[in-house]
Amino acid sequence: MHLTPREQDKLLIVVAGDLARRRRARGLKLNYPEA
């Protein structure tokens, strides 16, 4: 699967945001400031 840099960027943001949401849902503190 080949992605353009822009697509990779968008994917990374979506994945990171999803992970942060799931962590917060479980009540864990985030290890990094949210953008």
PDB file of N, CA and C in Angstrom:
ATOM      1  N   MET A   1       0.845  -1.195   0.000  1.00  0.00           N
ATOM      2  CA  MET A   1       0.000   0.000   0.000  1.00  0.00           C
ATOM      3  C   MET A   1       0.880   1.245   0.000  1.00  0.00           C
ATOM      4  N   HIS A   2       0.783   2.008  -1.078  1.00  0.00           N
ATOM      5  CA  HIS A   2       1.599   3.220  -1.185  1.00  0.00           C
ATOM      6  C   HIS A   2       0.748   4.447  -0.902  1.00  0.00           C
ATOM      7  N   LEU A   3       1.228   5.260   0.036  1.00  0.00           N
ATOM      8  CA  LEU A   3       0.498   6.480   0.381  1.00  0.00           C
ATOM      9  C   LEU A   3       1.375   7.690   0.115  1.00  0.00           C
ATOM     10  N   THR A   4       0.747   8.773  -0.241  1.00  0.00           N
ATOM     11  CA  THR A   4       1.502  10.012  -0.399  1.00  0.00           C
ATOM     12  C   THR A   4       1.812  10.533   1.003  1.00  0.00           C
ATOM     13  N   PRO A   5       2.828  11.375   1.126  1.00  0.00           N
ATOM     14  CA  PRO A   5       3.162  11.917   2.456  1.00  0.00           C
ATOM     15  C   PRO A   5       1.957  12.553   3.134  1.00  0.00           C
ATOM     16  N   ARG A   6       1.118  13.217   2.338  1.00  0.00           N
ATOM     17  CA  ARG A   6      -0.054  13.874   2.923  1.00  0.00           C
ATOM     18  C   ARG A   6      -1.027  12.837   3.470  1.00  0.00           C
ATOM     19  N   GLU A   7      -1.206  11.754   2.745  1.00  0.00           N
ATOM     20  CA  GLU A   7      -2.117  10.701   3.201  1.00  0.00           C
ATOM     21  C   GLU A   7      -1.577  10.037   4.463  1.00  0.00           C
ATOM     22  N   GLN A   8      -0.264   9.818   4.495  1.00  0.00           N
ATOM     23  CA  GLN A   8       0.355   9.221   5.678  1.00  0.00           C
ATOM     24  C   GLN A   8       0.132  10.117   6.886  1.00  0.00           C
ATOM     25  N   ASP A   9       0.273  11.427   6.662  1.00  0.00           N
ATOM     26  CA  ASP A   9       0.089  12.400   7.732  1.00  0.00           C
ATOM     27  C   ASP A   9      -1.329  12.330   8.287  1.00  0.00           C
ATOM     28  N   LYS A  10      -2.293  12.305   7.381  1.00  0.00           N
ATOM     29  CA  LYS A  10      -3.696  12.257   7.803  1.00  0.00           C
ATOM     30  C   LYS A  10      -3.977  10.976   8.571  1.00  0.00           C
ATOM     31  N   LEU A  11      -3.445   9.868   8.058  1.00  0.00           N
ATOM     32  CA  LEU A  11      -3.666   8.572   8.690  1.00  0.00           C
ATOM     33  C   LEU A  11      -3.079   8.571  10.100  1.00  0.00           C
ATOM     34  N   LEU A  12      -1.870   9.135  10.229  1.00  0.00           N
ATOM     35  CA  LEU A  12      -1.203   9.169  11.529  1.00  0.00           C
ATOM     36  C   LEU A  12      -2.030   9.975  12.528  1.00  0.00           C
ATOM     37  N   ILE A  13      -2.556  11.103  12.079  1.00  0.00           N
ATOM     38  CA  ILE A  13      -3.361  11.958  12.958  1.00  0.00           C
ATOM     39  C   ILE A  13      -4.621  11.229  13.402  1.00  0.00           C
ATOM     40  N   VAL A  14      -5.259  10.537  12.467  1.00  0.00           N
ATOM     41  CA  VAL A  14      -6.491   9.805  12.789  1.00  0.00           C
ATOM     42  C   VAL A  14      -6.206   8.689  13.783  1.00  0.00           C
ATOM     43  N   VAL A  15      -5.137   7.937  13.529  1.00  0.00           N
ATOM     44  CA  VAL A  15      -4.787   6.816  14.409  1.00  0.00           C
ATOM     45  C   VAL A  15      -4.409   7.325  15.800  1.00  0.00           C
ATOM     46  N   ALA A  16      -3.600   8.382  15.857  1.00  0.00           N
ATOM     47  CA  ALA A  16      -3.183   8.926  17.148  1.00  0.00           C
ATOM     48  C   ALA A  16      -4.389   9.467  17.915  1.00  0.00           C
ATOM     49  N   GLY A  17      -5.289  10.136  17.206  1.00  0.00           N
ATOM     50  CA  GLY A  17      -6.487  10.679  17.848  1.00  0.00           C
ATOM     51  C   GLY A  17      -7.376   9.572  18.376  1.00  0.00           C
ATOM     52  N   ASP A  18      -7.497   8.499  17.609  1.00  0.00           N
ATOM     53  CA  ASP A  18      -8.329   7.373  18.023  1.00  0.00           C
ATOM     54  C   ASP A  18      -7.736   6.716  19.264  1.00  0.00           C
ATOM     55  N   LEU A  19      -6.414   6.560  19.267  1.00  0.00           N
ATOM     56  CA  LEU A  19      -5.746   5.944  20.411  1.00  0.00           C
ATOM     57  C   LEU A  19      -5.941   6.805  21.660  1.00  0.00           C
ATOM     58  N   ALA A  20      -5.802   8.113  21.503  1.00  0.00           N
ATOM     59  CA  ALA A  20      -5.974   9.022  22.637  1.00  0.00           C
ATOM     60  C   ALA A  20      -7.393   8.934  23.185  1.00  0.00           C
ATOM     61  N   ARG A  21      -8.378   8.856  22.282  1.00  0.00           N
ATOM     62  CA  ARG A  21      -9.772   8.751  22.723  1.00  0.00           C
ATOM     63  C   ARG A  21      -9.994   7.463  23.496  1.00  0.00           C
ATOM     64  N   ARG A  22      -9.426   6.372  22.999  1.00  0.00           N
ATOM     65  CA  ARG A  22      -9.628   5.091  23.683  1.00  0.00           C
ATOM     66  C   ARG A  22      -8.948   5.085  25.043  1.00  0.00           C
ATOM     67  N   ARG A  23      -7.776   5.704  25.111  1.00  0.00           N
ATOM     68  CA  ARG A  23      -7.071   5.757  26.395  1.00  0.00           C
ATOM     69  C   ARG A  23      -7.876   6.562  27.406  1.00  0.00           C
ATOM     70  N   ARG A  24      -8.402   7.705  26.935  1.00  0.00           N
ATOM     71  CA  ARG A  24      -9.165   8.558  27.836  1.00  0.00           C
ATOM     72  C   ARG A  24     -10.422   7.830  28.291  1.00  0.00           C
ATOM     73  N   ALA A  25     -11.005   7.051  27.390  1.00  0.00           N
ATOM     74  CA  ALA A  25     -12.226   6.317  27.718  1.00  0.00           C
ATOM     75  C   ALA A  25     -11.938   5.305  28.823  1.00  0.00           C
ATOM     76  N   ARG A  26     -10.706   4.804  28.863  1.00  0.00           N
ATOM     77  CA  ARG A  26     -10.351   3.837  29.903  1.00  0.00           C
ATOM     78  C   ARG A  26      -9.846   4.536  31.164  1.00  0.00           C
ATOM     79  N   GLY A  27      -9.781   5.852  31.115  1.00  0.00           N
ATOM     80  CA  GLY A  27      -9.382   6.601  32.308  1.00  0.00           C
ATOM     81  C   GLY A  27      -7.882   6.707  32.496  1.00  0.00           C
ATOM     82  N   LEU A  28      -7.118   6.475  31.447  1.00  0.00           N
ATOM     83  CA  LEU A  28      -5.664   6.589  31.580  1.00  0.00           C
ATOM     84  C   LEU A  28      -5.239   8.010  31.258  1.00  0.00           C
ATOM     85  N   LYS A  29      -4.160   8.442  31.898  1.00  0.00           N
ATOM     86  CA  LYS A  29      -3.653   9.779  31.613  1.00  0.00           C
ATOM     87  C   LYS A  29      -2.831   9.731  30.339  1.00  0.00           C
ATOM     88  N   LEU A  30      -2.903  10.793  29.564  1.00  0.00           N
ATOM     89  CA  LEU A  30      -2.136  10.839  28.322  1.00  0.00           C
ATOM     90  C   LEU A  30      -0.671  11.124  28.646  1.00  0.00           C
ATOM     91  N   ASN A  31       0.215  10.447  27.930  1.00  0.00           N
ATOM     92  CA  ASN A  31       1.647  10.642  28.156  1.00  0.00           C
ATOM     93  C   ASN A  31       2.180  11.845  27.389  1.00  0.00           C
ATOM     94  N   TYR A  32       1.330  12.417  26.517  1.00  0.00           N
ATOM     95  CA  TYR A  32       1.783  13.532  25.703  1.00  0.00           C
ATOM     96  C   TYR A  32       0.666  14.558  25.616  1.00  0.00           C
ATOM     97  N   PRO A  33       1.032  15.843  25.471  1.00  0.00           N
ATOM     98  CA  PRO A  33      -0.006  16.878  25.357  1.00  0.00           C
ATOM     99  C   PRO A  33      -0.778  16.704  24.067  1.00  0.00           C
ATOM    100  N   GLU A  34      -2.072  16.933  24.147  1.00  0.00           N
ATOM    101  CA  GLU A  34      -2.896  16.800  22.952  1.00  0.00           C
ATOM    102  C   GLU A  34      -2.787  18.043  22.096  1.00  0.00           C
ATOM    103  N   ALA A  35      -2.667  17.822  20.808  1.00  0.00           N
ATOM    104  CA  ALA A  35      -2.540  18.971  19.891  1.00  0.00           C
ATOM    105  C   ALA A  35      -3.909  19.607  19.689  1.00  0.00           C
TER     106      ALA A  35
END
